[in-house]
Amino acid sequence: MRIDTMTRDDWPAVRDIYEAGIATGEATFQTEAPPWDAWDAAHLPTCRLVMRDDDDRVIGWAALGRVSARPVYSGVAEVSVYVAESARGRGIGLLLLTALIDASERDGRWTLQASIFPENTASVRLHERCGFRIVGRRERIACQYGRWRDTFLLERRSSVVGVATE
């Protein structure tokens, strides 16, 4: 297995993995994957990764989205990590998230955040293992399929980027 930079050519496999996550009802509020151009516009042009298996198939992906267009928040980004159902439980999410954190710090990001359904305990544990902490529970933040849902807001502060020098 290897981690590569995601390209537009990876989009069909990335979209399939994303749609499988959407279908669980526990990964995102999204109800369908957008077309490439919309997905591309919603994510930073840097810090886009895919995990390939030994047959060169994409089995997971991770990317960062902009939190705000305001320059003061340029070092803050939102994390997305998805692993193909057939590849779950093999540490791929951990490898991808660790690589994404490293890439984010090289890219000058000092804070990463994630919004995760409390029921998605595997994702919460993964993020906590990578240094994220729950900073709050957003109650009834949005409605999904007619049901109001809560999310945990998790945050990871870099120990190398944006560190006070005083």
Protein backbone atom coordinates (compact mmCIF):
# COMPACT_ATOMS: atom_id res chain seq x y z
CA MET A 1 0.00 0.00 0.00
CA ARG A 2 1.06 3.57 -0.55
CA ILE A 3 -0.20 7.10 -0.03
CA ASP A 4 -0.23 9.41 -3.06
CA THR A 5 -1.41 12.91 -3.81
CA MET A 6 -5.01 12.80 -5.04
CA THR A 7 -5.56 13.83 -8.64
CA ARG A 8 -8.66 14.50 -10.69
CA ASP A 9 -8.20 11.02 -12.22
CA ASP A 10 -8.77 9.54 -8.75
CA TRP A 11 -12.19 11.21 -8.48
CA PRO A 12 -14.33 8.24 -9.62
CA ALA A 13 -12.82 5.99 -6.92
CA VAL A 14 -12.87 8.78 -4.32
CA ARG A 15 -16.51 9.52 -5.17
CA ASP A 16 -17.45 5.83 -4.81
CA ILE A 17 -15.85 5.66 -1.36
CA TYR A 18 -17.52 8.94 -0.39
CA GLU A 19 -20.92 7.70 -1.58
CA ALA A 20 -20.50 4.49 0.43
CA GLY A 21 -19.81 6.64 3.49
CA ILE A 22 -22.84 8.78 2.75
CA ALA A 23 -24.98 5.62 2.50
CA THR A 24 -24.12 4.66 6.10
CA GLY A 25 -25.87 7.78 7.38
CA GLU A 26 -23.09 8.14 9.96
CA ALA A 27 -20.31 9.86 8.01
CA THR A 28 -21.70 13.18 6.80
CA PHE A 29 -24.81 15.31 6.45
CA GLN A 30 -24.33 15.16 2.67
CA THR A 31 -26.91 13.07 0.85
CA GLU A 32 -24.96 12.64 -2.38
CA ALA A 33 -21.47 13.21 -3.67
CA PRO A 34 -21.13 16.40 -5.68
CA PRO A 35 -19.61 16.53 -9.16
CA TRP A 36 -15.83 16.89 -9.26
CA ASP A 37 -15.85 20.66 -9.87
CA ALA A 38 -17.95 21.31 -6.76
CA TRP A 39 -15.89 18.93 -4.61
CA ASP A 40 -12.69 20.48 -5.93
CA ALA A 41 -13.89 24.01 -5.13
CA ALA A 42 -14.87 23.00 -1.58
CA HIS A 43 -11.45 21.53 -0.71
CA LEU A 44 -8.01 23.06 -0.45
CA PRO A 45 -5.87 22.44 -3.52
CA THR A 46 -3.18 21.09 -1.20
CA CYS A 47 -3.42 18.28 1.34
CA ARG A 48 -5.40 15.79 -0.75
CA LEU A 49 -4.33 12.19 -0.31
CA VAL A 50 -5.35 8.74 -1.47
CA MET A 51 -4.30 5.33 -0.19
CA ARG A 52 -3.68 2.77 -2.92
CA ASP A 53 -3.62 -0.98 -2.40
CA ASP A 54 -1.08 -3.33 -3.95
CA ASP A 55 -3.18 -3.44 -7.14
CA ASP A 56 -3.10 0.39 -7.37
CA ARG A 57 -6.79 0.74 -6.43
CA VAL A 58 -7.83 3.70 -4.27
CA ILE A 59 -9.05 2.29 -0.94
CA GLY A 60 -9.20 5.50 1.08
CA TRP A 61 -8.82 9.24 0.87
CA ALA A 62 -8.29 12.28 3.05
CA ALA A 63 -8.56 15.98 2.29
CA LEU A 64 -8.85 19.39 3.91
CA GLY A 65 -11.62 21.90 3.41
CA ARG A 66 -11.50 25.61 4.07
CA VAL A 67 -13.22 26.70 7.29
CA SER A 68 -13.44 30.37 6.35
CA ALA A 69 -12.41 32.64 3.49
CA ARG A 70 -11.19 35.22 6.01
CA PRO A 71 -7.37 35.46 5.89
CA VAL A 72 -7.07 35.26 9.69
CA TYR A 73 -8.35 31.66 9.50
CA SER A 74 -6.02 30.59 6.70
CA GLY A 75 -4.29 28.11 9.01
CA VAL A 76 -7.51 26.39 10.05
CA ALA A 77 -8.97 23.56 7.99
CA GLU A 78 -11.63 20.86 8.25
CA VAL A 79 -10.64 17.22 7.91
CA SER A 80 -12.35 14.56 5.79
CA VAL A 81 -11.16 10.94 5.97
CA TYR A 82 -12.94 8.06 4.23
CA VAL A 83 -11.94 4.41 3.88
CA ALA A 84 -13.54 1.88 1.53
CA GLU A 85 -15.75 -0.55 3.40
CA SER A 86 -13.67 -3.50 2.17
CA ALA A 87 -10.51 -1.92 3.63
CA ARG A 88 -11.78 -0.86 7.07
CA GLY A 89 -10.17 -2.18 10.22
CA ARG A 90 -6.68 -2.39 8.69
CA GLY A 91 -5.25 0.90 9.98
CA ILE A 92 -5.76 2.77 6.74
CA GLY A 93 -7.66 5.61 8.38
CA LEU A 94 -4.81 6.06 10.87
CA LEU A 95 -2.20 6.12 8.11
CA LEU A 96 -4.20 8.60 6.04
CA LEU A 97 -5.00 10.92 8.94
CA THR A 98 -1.39 10.88 10.15
CA ALA A 99 -0.16 11.70 6.64
CA LEU A 100 -2.80 14.43 6.31
CA ILE A 101 -1.68 16.00 9.59
CA ASP A 102 1.93 15.98 8.39
CA ALA A 103 0.92 17.50 5.05
CA SER A 104 -1.19 20.13 6.79
CA GLU A 105 1.73 21.26 8.92
CA ARG A 106 4.01 21.47 5.89
CA ASP A 107 1.24 23.58 4.35
CA GLY A 108 1.18 25.97 7.33
CA ARG A 109 -2.05 24.81 8.99
CA TRP A 110 -2.08 25.29 12.76
CA THR A 111 -5.55 23.96 13.57
CA LEU A 112 -7.47 21.04 12.14
CA GLN A 113 -11.07 20.43 13.02
CA ALA A 114 -13.54 17.66 12.41
CA SER A 115 -17.27 17.44 12.86
CA ILE A 116 -18.29 13.87 13.68
CA PHE A 117 -21.57 12.24 14.63
CA PRO A 118 -21.28 10.93 18.23
CA GLU A 119 -22.54 7.55 16.99
CA ASN A 120 -19.52 7.25 14.70
CA THR A 121 -17.34 6.02 17.54
CA ALA A 122 -14.66 4.56 15.25
CA SER A 123 -14.07 7.98 13.68
CA VAL A 124 -14.07 9.74 17.05
CA ARG A 125 -11.50 7.24 18.38
CA LEU A 126 -9.35 7.59 15.24
CA HIS A 127 -9.23 11.36 15.56
CA GLU A 128 -8.50 11.21 19.29
CA ARG A 129 -5.66 8.77 18.61
CA CYS A 130 -4.19 11.39 16.27
CA GLY A 131 -4.26 14.15 18.88
CA PHE A 132 -7.72 15.62 18.32
CA ARG A 133 -9.83 16.47 21.34
CA ILE A 134 -13.55 17.00 21.64
CA VAL A 135 -14.10 20.71 22.22
CA GLY A 136 -17.87 20.54 22.24
CA ARG A 137 -21.10 18.90 21.26
CA ARG A 138 -23.19 20.80 18.76
CA GLU A 139 -26.75 19.81 19.60
CA ARG A 140 -29.34 19.55 16.86
CA ILE A 141 -26.91 21.29 14.49
CA ALA A 142 -28.64 20.06 11.32
CA CYS A 143 -31.45 17.87 10.12
CA GLN A 144 -30.71 14.68 8.19
CA TYR A 145 -33.50 12.62 6.64
CA GLY A 146 -36.04 14.33 8.89
CA ARG A 147 -34.03 13.71 12.10
CA TRP A 148 -32.11 16.38 14.00
CA ARG A 149 -28.52 15.30 14.61
CA ASP A 150 -25.78 16.29 17.01
CA THR A 151 -22.10 16.40 16.14
CA PHE A 152 -18.94 16.49 18.16
CA LEU A 153 -16.55 19.26 17.21
CA LEU A 154 -13.00 17.95 17.47
CA GLU A 155 -9.85 20.02 17.18
CA ARG A 156 -6.15 19.36 16.83
CA ARG A 157 -3.65 22.15 17.40
CA SER A 158 -0.25 21.81 15.78
CA SER A 159 2.76 21.73 18.08
CA VAL A 160 4.97 23.10 15.29
CA VAL A 161 2.88 25.58 13.27
CA GLY A 162 1.48 28.74 14.83
CA VAL A 163 3.19 28.13 18.16
CA ALA A 164 3.65 31.27 20.23
CA THR A 165 7.28 32.34 20.50
CA GLU A 166 6.87 34.37 23.71
